[in-house]
Full PDB file with SEQRES, HELIX, SHEET, SSBOND, CRYST1, ORIGX, SCALE, CONECT and MASTER records, all heavy atoms in Angstrom:
SEQRES   1 A   37  SER LEU PRO VAL ASP GLY VAL PRO THR ALA PHE HIS TYR          
SEQRES   2 A   37  ARG GLU SER GLU PHE GLY TRP VAL LEU ALA GLY SER THR          
SEQRES   3 A   37  SER ALA GLY VAL HIS VAL GLY ALA TYR GLY ARG                  
SHEET    1 AA1 2 LEU A   2  VAL A   4  0                                        
SHEET    2 AA1 2 VAL A   7  THR A   9 -1                                        
SHEET    1 AA2 3 HIS A  12  SER A  16  0                                        
SHEET    2 AA2 3 GLY A  19  SER A  25 -1                                        
SHEET    3 AA2 3 HIS A  31  GLY A  36 -1                                        
CRYST1    1.000    1.000    1.000  90.00  90.00  90.00 P 1           1          
ORIGX1      1.000000  0.000000  0.000000        0.00000                         
ORIGX2      0.000000  1.000000  0.000000        0.00000                         
ORIGX3      0.000000  0.000000  1.000000        0.00000                         
SCALE1      1.000000  0.000000  0.000000        0.00000                         
SCALE2      0.000000  1.000000  0.000000        0.00000                         
SCALE3      0.000000  0.000000  1.000000        0.00000                         
ATOM      1  N   SER A   1      -6.004  -4.554  -3.292  1.00  0.00           N  
ATOM      2  CA  SER A   1      -4.973  -5.464  -3.776  1.00  0.00           C  
ATOM      3  C   SER A   1      -4.168  -4.785  -4.876  1.00  0.00           C  
ATOM      4  O   SER A   1      -4.719  -4.336  -5.880  1.00  0.00           O  
ATOM      5  CB  SER A   1      -5.599  -6.753  -4.313  1.00  0.00           C  
ATOM      6  OG  SER A   1      -4.588  -7.638  -4.792  1.00  0.00           O  
ATOM      7  N   LEU A   2      -2.854  -4.690  -4.659  1.00  0.00           N  
ATOM      8  CA  LEU A   2      -1.950  -4.063  -5.627  1.00  0.00           C  
ATOM      9  C   LEU A   2      -0.725  -4.953  -5.808  1.00  0.00           C  
ATOM     10  O   LEU A   2      -0.323  -5.665  -4.883  1.00  0.00           O  
ATOM     11  CB  LEU A   2      -1.504  -2.686  -5.132  1.00  0.00           C  
ATOM     12  CG  LEU A   2      -2.594  -1.626  -4.954  1.00  0.00           C  
ATOM     13  CD1 LEU A   2      -2.011  -0.386  -4.275  1.00  0.00           C  
ATOM     14  CD2 LEU A   2      -3.221  -1.253  -6.287  1.00  0.00           C  
ATOM     15  N   PRO A   3      -0.103  -4.924  -6.987  1.00  0.00           N  
ATOM     16  CA  PRO A   3       1.079  -5.768  -7.209  1.00  0.00           C  
ATOM     17  C   PRO A   3       2.324  -5.240  -6.497  1.00  0.00           C  
ATOM     18  O   PRO A   3       2.603  -4.041  -6.508  1.00  0.00           O  
ATOM     19  CB  PRO A   3       1.253  -5.723  -8.735  1.00  0.00           C  
ATOM     20  CG  PRO A   3       0.614  -4.443  -9.160  1.00  0.00           C  
ATOM     21  CD  PRO A   3      -0.528  -4.217  -8.217  1.00  0.00           C  
ATOM     22  N   VAL A   4       3.043  -6.148  -5.862  1.00  0.00           N  
ATOM     23  CA  VAL A   4       4.343  -5.851  -5.266  1.00  0.00           C  
ATOM     24  C   VAL A   4       5.335  -6.833  -5.873  1.00  0.00           C  
ATOM     25  O   VAL A   4       5.196  -8.048  -5.680  1.00  0.00           O  
ATOM     26  CB  VAL A   4       4.323  -5.994  -3.735  1.00  0.00           C  
ATOM     27  CG1 VAL A   4       5.724  -5.766  -3.167  1.00  0.00           C  
ATOM     28  CG2 VAL A   4       3.338  -5.022  -3.119  1.00  0.00           C  
ATOM     29  N   ASP A   5       6.279  -6.327  -6.641  1.00  0.00           N  
ATOM     30  CA  ASP A   5       7.194  -7.188  -7.390  1.00  0.00           C  
ATOM     31  C   ASP A   5       6.410  -8.191  -8.235  1.00  0.00           C  
ATOM     32  O   ASP A   5       6.795  -9.359  -8.384  1.00  0.00           O  
ATOM     33  CB  ASP A   5       8.146  -7.925  -6.442  1.00  0.00           C  
ATOM     34  CG  ASP A   5       9.086  -6.967  -5.714  1.00  0.00           C  
ATOM     35  OD1 ASP A   5       9.538  -5.991  -6.339  1.00  0.00           O  
ATOM     36  OD2 ASP A   5       9.348  -7.197  -4.517  1.00  0.00           O  
ATOM     37  N   GLY A   6       5.293  -7.740  -8.784  1.00  0.00           N  
ATOM     38  CA  GLY A   6       4.477  -8.556  -9.662  1.00  0.00           C  
ATOM     39  C   GLY A   6       3.512  -9.496  -8.979  1.00  0.00           C  
ATOM     40  O   GLY A   6       2.729 -10.188  -9.648  1.00  0.00           O  
ATOM     41  N   VAL A   7       3.519  -9.526  -7.637  1.00  0.00           N  
ATOM     42  CA  VAL A   7       2.648 -10.438  -6.888  1.00  0.00           C  
ATOM     43  C   VAL A   7       1.512  -9.646  -6.246  1.00  0.00           C  
ATOM     44  O   VAL A   7       1.770  -8.679  -5.520  1.00  0.00           O  
ATOM     45  CB  VAL A   7       3.447 -11.173  -5.790  1.00  0.00           C  
ATOM     46  CG1 VAL A   7       2.528 -12.096  -4.990  1.00  0.00           C  
ATOM     47  CG2 VAL A   7       4.601 -11.954  -6.405  1.00  0.00           C  
ATOM     48  N   PRO A   8       0.238 -10.030  -6.486  1.00  0.00           N  
ATOM     49  CA  PRO A   8      -0.879  -9.324  -5.848  1.00  0.00           C  
ATOM     50  C   PRO A   8      -0.743  -9.346  -4.328  1.00  0.00           C  
ATOM     51  O   PRO A   8      -0.513 -10.400  -3.726  1.00  0.00           O  
ATOM     52  CB  PRO A   8      -2.109 -10.122  -6.309  1.00  0.00           C  
ATOM     53  CG  PRO A   8      -1.671 -10.785  -7.570  1.00  0.00           C  
ATOM     54  CD  PRO A   8      -0.216 -11.117  -7.368  1.00  0.00           C  
ATOM     55  N   THR A   9      -0.858  -8.177  -3.717  1.00  0.00           N  
ATOM     56  CA  THR A   9      -0.628  -8.039  -2.281  1.00  0.00           C  
ATOM     57  C   THR A   9      -1.741  -7.191  -1.678  1.00  0.00           C  
ATOM     58  O   THR A   9      -2.147  -6.184  -2.254  1.00  0.00           O  
ATOM     59  CB  THR A   9       0.732  -7.371  -2.011  1.00  0.00           C  
ATOM     60  OG1 THR A   9       1.768  -8.160  -2.625  1.00  0.00           O  
ATOM     61  CG2 THR A   9       1.007  -7.257  -0.526  1.00  0.00           C  
ATOM     62  N   ALA A  10      -2.231  -7.598  -0.510  1.00  0.00           N  
ATOM     63  CA  ALA A  10      -3.313  -6.870   0.155  1.00  0.00           C  
ATOM     64  C   ALA A  10      -2.756  -5.670   0.910  1.00  0.00           C  
ATOM     65  O   ALA A  10      -1.761  -5.783   1.646  1.00  0.00           O  
ATOM     66  CB  ALA A  10      -4.050  -7.793   1.117  1.00  0.00           C  
ATOM     67  N   PHE A  11      -3.400  -4.525   0.727  1.00  0.00           N  
ATOM     68  CA  PHE A  11      -3.037  -3.297   1.438  1.00  0.00           C  
ATOM     69  C   PHE A  11      -4.243  -2.771   2.199  1.00  0.00           C  
ATOM     70  O   PHE A  11      -5.379  -2.933   1.770  1.00  0.00           O  
ATOM     71  CB  PHE A  11      -2.576  -2.217   0.459  1.00  0.00           C  
ATOM     72  CG  PHE A  11      -1.189  -2.417  -0.086  1.00  0.00           C  
ATOM     73  CD1 PHE A  11      -0.979  -3.210  -1.200  1.00  0.00           C  
ATOM     74  CD2 PHE A  11      -0.097  -1.813   0.524  1.00  0.00           C  
ATOM     75  CE1 PHE A  11       0.298  -3.399  -1.710  1.00  0.00           C  
ATOM     76  CE2 PHE A  11       1.184  -1.997   0.028  1.00  0.00           C  
ATOM     77  CZ  PHE A  11       1.386  -2.794  -1.091  1.00  0.00           C  
ATOM     78  N   HIS A  12      -3.974  -2.124   3.323  1.00  0.00           N  
ATOM     79  CA  HIS A  12      -4.996  -1.358   4.020  1.00  0.00           C  
ATOM     80  C   HIS A  12      -5.042   0.014   3.361  1.00  0.00           C  
ATOM     81  O   HIS A  12      -3.990   0.629   3.117  1.00  0.00           O  
ATOM     82  CB  HIS A  12      -4.645  -1.219   5.507  1.00  0.00           C  
ATOM     83  CG  HIS A  12      -4.537  -2.537   6.212  1.00  0.00           C  
ATOM     84  ND1 HIS A  12      -5.632  -3.217   6.712  1.00  0.00           N  
ATOM     85  CD2 HIS A  12      -3.457  -3.309   6.496  1.00  0.00           C  
ATOM     86  CE1 HIS A  12      -5.247  -4.342   7.279  1.00  0.00           C  
ATOM     87  NE2 HIS A  12      -3.919  -4.423   7.162  1.00  0.00           N  
ATOM     88  N   TYR A  13      -6.237   0.528   3.101  1.00  0.00           N  
ATOM     89  CA  TYR A  13      -6.370   1.744   2.291  1.00  0.00           C  
ATOM     90  C   TYR A  13      -7.444   2.641   2.875  1.00  0.00           C  
ATOM     91  O   TYR A  13      -8.493   2.176   3.337  1.00  0.00           O  
ATOM     92  CB  TYR A  13      -6.740   1.356   0.862  1.00  0.00           C  
ATOM     93  CG  TYR A  13      -7.041   2.517  -0.054  1.00  0.00           C  
ATOM     94  CD1 TYR A  13      -6.024   3.265  -0.624  1.00  0.00           C  
ATOM     95  CD2 TYR A  13      -8.365   2.863  -0.356  1.00  0.00           C  
ATOM     96  CE1 TYR A  13      -6.298   4.334  -1.473  1.00  0.00           C  
ATOM     97  CE2 TYR A  13      -8.658   3.925  -1.197  1.00  0.00           C  
ATOM     98  CZ  TYR A  13      -7.611   4.657  -1.755  1.00  0.00           C  
ATOM     99  OH  TYR A  13      -7.899   5.710  -2.590  1.00  0.00           O  
ATOM    100  N   ARG A  14      -7.182   3.945   2.877  1.00  0.00           N  
ATOM    101  CA  ARG A  14      -8.205   4.901   3.281  1.00  0.00           C  
ATOM    102  C   ARG A  14      -8.026   6.206   2.502  1.00  0.00           C  
ATOM    103  O   ARG A  14      -6.924   6.539   2.064  1.00  0.00           O  
ATOM    104  CB  ARG A  14      -8.170   5.183   4.787  1.00  0.00           C  
ATOM    105  CG  ARG A  14      -6.951   5.929   5.286  1.00  0.00           C  
ATOM    106  CD  ARG A  14      -7.055   6.179   6.786  1.00  0.00           C  
ATOM    107  NE  ARG A  14      -5.862   6.825   7.328  1.00  0.00           N  
ATOM    108  CZ  ARG A  14      -5.653   8.144   7.349  1.00  0.00           C  
ATOM    109  NH1 ARG A  14      -6.588   8.966   6.867  1.00  0.00           N  
ATOM    110  NH2 ARG A  14      -4.547   8.655   7.858  1.00  0.00           N  
ATOM    111  N   GLU A  15      -9.121   6.912   2.345  1.00  0.00           N  
ATOM    112  CA  GLU A  15      -9.120   8.203   1.667  1.00  0.00           C  
ATOM    113  C   GLU A  15      -9.614   9.280   2.629  1.00  0.00           C  
ATOM    114  O   GLU A  15     -10.361   8.997   3.565  1.00  0.00           O  
ATOM    115  CB  GLU A  15     -10.035   8.170   0.440  1.00  0.00           C  
ATOM    116  CG  GLU A  15      -9.566   7.263  -0.676  1.00  0.00           C  
ATOM    117  CD  GLU A  15     -10.507   7.302  -1.873  1.00  0.00           C  
ATOM    118  OE1 GLU A  15     -11.543   8.008  -1.794  1.00  0.00           O  
ATOM    119  OE2 GLU A  15     -10.222   6.641  -2.880  1.00  0.00           O  
ATOM    120  N   SER A  16      -9.182  10.507   2.380  1.00  0.00           N  
ATOM    121  CA  SER A  16      -9.683  11.651   3.127  1.00  0.00           C  
ATOM    122  C   SER A  16      -9.778  12.817   2.155  1.00  0.00           C  
ATOM    123  O   SER A  16      -9.416  12.699   0.982  1.00  0.00           O  
ATOM    124  CB  SER A  16      -8.744  11.997   4.293  1.00  0.00           C  
ATOM    125  OG  SER A  16      -7.554  12.608   3.806  1.00  0.00           O  
ATOM    126  N   GLU A  17     -10.223  13.956   2.641  1.00  0.00           N  
ATOM    127  CA  GLU A  17     -10.314  15.124   1.769  1.00  0.00           C  
ATOM    128  C   GLU A  17      -8.947  15.625   1.345  1.00  0.00           C  
ATOM    129  O   GLU A  17      -8.811  16.402   0.402  1.00  0.00           O  
ATOM    130  CB  GLU A  17     -11.060  16.249   2.491  1.00  0.00           C  
ATOM    131  CG  GLU A  17     -10.379  16.715   3.772  1.00  0.00           C  
ATOM    132  CD  GLU A  17     -11.168  17.816   4.464  1.00  0.00           C  
ATOM    133  OE1 GLU A  17     -11.615  18.741   3.762  1.00  0.00           O  
ATOM    134  OE2 GLU A  17     -11.337  17.732   5.694  1.00  0.00           O  
ATOM    135  N   PHE A  18      -7.892  15.164   2.011  1.00  0.00           N  
ATOM    136  CA  PHE A  18      -6.546  15.636   1.709  1.00  0.00           C  
ATOM    137  C   PHE A  18      -5.781  14.713   0.767  1.00  0.00           C  
ATOM    138  O   PHE A  18      -4.730  15.076   0.258  1.00  0.00           O  
ATOM    139  CB  PHE A  18      -5.747  15.806   3.002  1.00  0.00           C  
ATOM    140  CG  PHE A  18      -6.455  16.648   4.020  1.00  0.00           C  
ATOM    141  CD1 PHE A  18      -6.814  16.123   5.253  1.00  0.00           C  
ATOM    142  CD2 PHE A  18      -6.786  17.964   3.738  1.00  0.00           C  
ATOM    143  CE1 PHE A  18      -7.466  16.901   6.193  1.00  0.00           C  
ATOM    144  CE2 PHE A  18      -7.440  18.749   4.679  1.00  0.00           C  
ATOM    145  CZ  PHE A  18      -7.788  18.217   5.897  1.00  0.00           C  
ATOM    146  N   GLY A  19      -6.260  13.484   0.579  1.00  0.00           N  
ATOM    147  CA  GLY A  19      -5.564  12.521  -0.263  1.00  0.00           C  
ATOM    148  C   GLY A  19      -5.836  11.108   0.217  1.00  0.00           C  
ATOM    149  O   GLY A  19      -6.808  10.852   0.921  1.00  0.00           O  
ATOM    150  N   TRP A  20      -4.961  10.187  -0.146  1.00  0.00           N  
ATOM    151  CA  TRP A  20      -5.142   8.784   0.252  1.00  0.00           C  
ATOM    152  C   TRP A  20      -3.874   8.245   0.924  1.00  0.00           C  
ATOM    153  O   TRP A  20      -2.777   8.766   0.757  1.00  0.00           O  
ATOM    154  CB  TRP A  20      -5.493   7.913  -0.954  1.00  0.00           C  
ATOM    155  CG  TRP A  20      -4.551   8.049  -2.129  1.00  0.00           C  
ATOM    156  CD1 TRP A  20      -4.729   8.829  -3.238  1.00  0.00           C  
ATOM    157  CD2 TRP A  20      -3.277   7.393  -2.296  1.00  0.00           C  
ATOM    158  NE1 TRP A  20      -3.631   8.705  -4.081  1.00  0.00           N  
ATOM    159  CE2 TRP A  20      -2.745   7.833  -3.539  1.00  0.00           C  
ATOM    160  CE3 TRP A  20      -2.554   6.490  -1.536  1.00  0.00           C  
ATOM    161  CZ2 TRP A  20      -1.512   7.392  -4.025  1.00  0.00           C  
ATOM    162  CZ3 TRP A  20      -1.312   6.045  -2.000  1.00  0.00           C  
ATOM    163  CH2 TRP A  20      -0.809   6.499  -3.241  1.00  0.00           C  
ATOM    164  N   VAL A  21      -4.066   7.188   1.707  1.00  0.00           N  
ATOM    165  CA  VAL A  21      -2.993   6.530   2.435  1.00  0.00           C  
ATOM    166  C   VAL A  21      -3.200   5.027   2.325  1.00  0.00           C  
ATOM    167  O   VAL A  21      -4.339   4.549   2.379  1.00  0.00           O  
ATOM    168  CB  VAL A  21      -2.986   6.942   3.924  1.00  0.00           C  
ATOM    169  CG1 VAL A  21      -1.982   6.111   4.716  1.00  0.00           C  
ATOM    170  CG2 VAL A  21      -2.676   8.420   4.081  1.00  0.00           C  
ATOM    171  N   LEU A  22      -2.114   4.274   2.169  1.00  0.00           N  
ATOM    172  CA  LEU A  22      -2.212   2.815   2.181  1.00  0.00           C  
ATOM    173  C   LEU A  22      -0.977   2.224   2.841  1.00  0.00           C  
ATOM    174  O   LEU A  22       0.058   2.876   2.966  1.00  0.00           O  
ATOM    175  CB  LEU A  22      -2.422   2.259   0.768  1.00  0.00           C  
ATOM    176  CG  LEU A  22      -1.381   2.521  -0.320  1.00  0.00           C  
ATOM    177  CD1 LEU A  22      -0.163   1.599  -0.200  1.00  0.00           C  
ATOM    178  CD2 LEU A  22      -2.013   2.336  -1.701  1.00  0.00           C  
ATOM    179  N   ALA A  23      -1.086   0.961   3.273  1.00  0.00           N  
ATOM    180  CA  ALA A  23       0.036   0.297   3.934  1.00  0.00           C  
ATOM    181  C   ALA A  23      -0.124  -1.213   3.837  1.00  0.00           C  
ATOM    182  O   ALA A  23      -1.233  -1.739   3.891  1.00  0.00           O  
ATOM    183  CB  ALA A  23       0.136   0.717   5.402  1.00  0.00           C  
ATOM    184  N   GLY A  24       1.005  -1.916   3.680  1.00  0.00           N  
ATOM    185  CA  GLY A  24       1.000  -3.369   3.621  1.00  0.00           C  
ATOM    186  C   GLY A  24       2.413  -3.892   3.858  1.00  0.00           C  
ATOM    187  O   GLY A  24       3.334  -3.130   4.143  1.00  0.00           O  
ATOM    188  N   SER A  25       2.592  -5.191   3.720  1.00  0.00           N  
ATOM    189  CA  SER A  25       3.892  -5.820   3.934  1.00  0.00           C  
ATOM    190  C   SER A  25       4.347  -6.519   2.661  1.00  0.00           C  
ATOM    191  O   SER A  25       3.538  -6.848   1.790  1.00  0.00           O  
ATOM    192  CB  SER A  25       3.821  -6.833   5.080  1.00  0.00           C  
ATOM    193  OG  SER A  25       3.570  -6.189   6.310  1.00  0.00           O  
ATOM    194  N   THR A  26       5.647  -6.748   2.556  1.00  0.00           N  
ATOM    195  CA  THR A  26       6.214  -7.439   1.400  1.00  0.00           C  
ATOM    196  C   THR A  26       6.924  -8.706   1.868  1.00  0.00           C  
ATOM    197  O   THR A  26       7.157  -8.908   3.062  1.00  0.00           O  
ATOM    198  CB  THR A  26       7.236  -6.547   0.661  1.00  0.00           C  
ATOM    199  OG1 THR A  26       8.465  -6.532   1.401  1.00  0.00           O  
ATOM    200  CG2 THR A  26       6.720  -5.122   0.514  1.00  0.00           C  
ATOM    201  N   SER A  27       7.323  -9.519   0.905  1.00  0.00           N  
ATOM    202  CA  SER A  27       8.073 -10.737   1.223  1.00  0.00           C  
ATOM    203  C   SER A  27       9.563 -10.449   1.352  1.00  0.00           C  
ATOM    204  O   SER A  27      10.357 -11.351   1.596  1.00  0.00           O  
ATOM    205  CB  SER A  27       7.843 -11.784   0.125  1.00  0.00           C  
ATOM    206  OG  SER A  27       8.268 -11.287  -1.136  1.00  0.00           O  
ATOM    207  N   ALA A  28       9.946  -9.178   1.184  1.00  0.00           N  
ATOM    208  CA  ALA A  28      11.361  -8.812   1.223  1.00  0.00           C  
ATOM    209  C   ALA A  28      11.797  -8.299   2.588  1.00  0.00           C  
ATOM    210  O   ALA A  28      12.865  -7.692   2.719  1.00  0.00           O  
ATOM    211  CB  ALA A  28      11.643  -7.747   0.161  1.00  0.00           C  
ATOM    212  N   GLY A  29      10.975  -8.509   3.605  1.00  0.00           N  
ATOM    213  CA  GLY A  29      11.354  -8.092   4.954  1.00  0.00           C  
ATOM    214  C   GLY A  29      11.153  -6.626   5.244  1.00  0.00           C  
ATOM    215  O   GLY A  29      11.790  -6.081   6.149  1.00  0.00           O  
ATOM    216  N   VAL A  30      10.267  -5.973   4.507  1.00  0.00           N  
ATOM    217  CA  VAL A  30       9.960  -4.573   4.770  1.00  0.00           C  
ATOM    218  C   VAL A  30       8.443  -4.366   4.703  1.00  0.00           C  
ATOM    219  O   VAL A  30       7.722  -5.150   4.089  1.00  0.00           O  
ATOM    220  CB  VAL A  30      10.650  -3.612   3.759  1.00  0.00           C  
ATOM    221  CG1 VAL A  30      12.162  -3.723   3.848  1.00  0.00           C  
ATOM    222  CG2 VAL A  30      10.161  -3.865   2.345  1.00  0.00           C  
ATOM    223  N   HIS A  31       7.997  -3.293   5.344  1.00  0.00           N  
ATOM    224  CA  HIS A  31       6.621  -2.837   5.216  1.00  0.00           C  
ATOM    225  C   HIS A  31       6.615  -1.650   4.263  1.00  0.00           C  
ATOM    226  O   HIS A  31       7.573  -0.877   4.223  1.00  0.00           O  
ATOM    227  CB  HIS A  31       6.058  -2.422   6.577  1.00  0.00           C  
ATOM    228  CG  HIS A  31       6.196  -3.472   7.638  1.00  0.00           C  
ATOM    229  ND1 HIS A  31       5.533  -4.682   7.570  1.00  0.00           N  
ATOM    230  CD2 HIS A  31       6.933  -3.505   8.785  1.00  0.00           C  
ATOM    231  CE1 HIS A  31       5.839  -5.414   8.625  1.00  0.00           C  
ATOM    232  NE2 HIS A  31       6.688  -4.722   9.376  1.00  0.00           N  
ATOM    233  N   VAL A  32       5.551  -1.518   3.502  1.00  0.00           N  
ATOM    234  CA  VAL A  32       5.443  -0.436   2.533  1.00  0.00           C  
ATOM    235  C   VAL A  32       4.206   0.391   2.839  1.00  0.00           C  
ATOM    236  O   VAL A  32       3.101  -0.140   2.998  1.00  0.00           O  
ATOM    237  CB  VAL A  32       5.363  -0.967   1.090  1.00  0.00           C  
ATOM    238  CG1 VAL A  32       5.013   0.145   0.109  1.00  0.00           C  
ATOM    239  CG2 VAL A  32       6.688  -1.595   0.688  1.00  0.00           C  
ATOM    240  N   GLY A  33       4.396   1.690   2.947  1.00  0.00           N  
ATOM    241  CA  GLY A  33       3.293   2.623   3.061  1.00  0.00           C  
ATOM    242  C   GLY A  33       3.341   3.556   1.864  1.00  0.00           C  
ATOM    243  O   GLY A  33       4.365   3.666   1.192  1.00  0.00           O  
ATOM    244  N   ALA A  34       2.252   4.207   1.578  1.00  0.00           N  
ATOM    245  CA  ALA A  34       2.237   5.171   0.482  1.00  0.00           C  
ATOM    246  C   ALA A  34       1.141   6.191   0.732  1.00  0.00           C  
ATOM    247  O   ALA A  34       0.161   5.909   1.421  1.00  0.00           O  
ATOM    248  CB  ALA A  34       2.012   4.477  -0.865  1.00  0.00           C  
ATOM    249  N   TYR A  35       1.332   7.385   0.184  1.00  0.00           N  
ATOM    250  CA  TYR A  35       0.307   8.410   0.238  1.00  0.00           C  
ATOM    251  C   TYR A  35       0.405   9.242  -1.026  1.00  0.00           C  
ATOM    252  O   TYR A  35       1.449   9.271  -1.695  1.00  0.00           O  
ATOM    253  CB  TYR A  35       0.439   9.280   1.487  1.00  0.00           C  
ATOM    254  CG  TYR A  35       1.724  10.062   1.618  1.00  0.00           C  
ATOM    255  CD1 TYR A  35       1.843  11.369   1.120  1.00  0.00           C  
ATOM    256  CD2 TYR A  35       2.838   9.511   2.261  1.00  0.00           C  
ATOM    257  CE1 TYR A  35       3.017  12.095   1.267  1.00  0.00           C  
ATOM    258  CE2 TYR A  35       4.018  10.230   2.406  1.00  0.00           C  
ATOM    259  CZ  TYR A  35       4.099  11.520   1.906  1.00  0.00           C  
ATOM    260  OH  TYR A  35       5.269  12.239   2.031  1.00  0.00           O  
ATOM    261  N   GLY A  36      -0.702   9.895  -1.360  1.00  0.00           N  
ATOM    262  CA  GLY A  36      -0.667  10.692  -2.573  1.00  0.00           C  
ATOM    263  C   GLY A  36      -1.891  11.551  -2.742  1.00  0.00           C  
ATOM    264  O   GLY A  36      -2.844  11.500  -1.955  1.00  0.00           O  
ATOM    265  N   ARG A  37      -1.848  12.322  -3.802  1.00  0.00           N  
ATOM    266  CA  ARG A  37      -2.942  13.228  -4.133  1.00  0.00           C  
ATOM    267  C   ARG A  37      -2.877  13.476  -5.637  1.00  0.00           C  
ATOM    268  O   ARG A  37      -1.799  13.642  -6.208  1.00  0.00           O  
ATOM    269  CB  ARG A  37      -2.769  14.537  -3.357  1.00  0.00           C  
ATOM    270  CG  ARG A  37      -3.999  15.445  -3.372  1.00  0.00           C  
ATOM    271  CD  ARG A  37      -3.921  16.465  -2.246  1.00  0.00           C  
ATOM    272  NE  ARG A  37      -2.723  17.284  -2.279  1.00  0.00           N  
ATOM    273  CZ  ARG A  37      -2.137  17.793  -1.205  1.00  0.00           C  
ATOM    274  NH1 ARG A  37      -2.611  17.543  -0.005  1.00  0.00           N  
ATOM    275  NH2 ARG A  37      -1.061  18.552  -1.312  1.00  0.00           N  
TER     276      ARG A  37                                                      
MASTER        0    0    0    0    5    0    0    6  275    1    0    3          
END                                                                             
């Protein structure tokens, strides 16, 4: 659960040896994904 525009939002999340990936939806008509290291 991470904030999106200040509202707690559920994301799907996974980690690997290369970094992490997550994805969820917003109330603004878009889906948000992210990755990092």
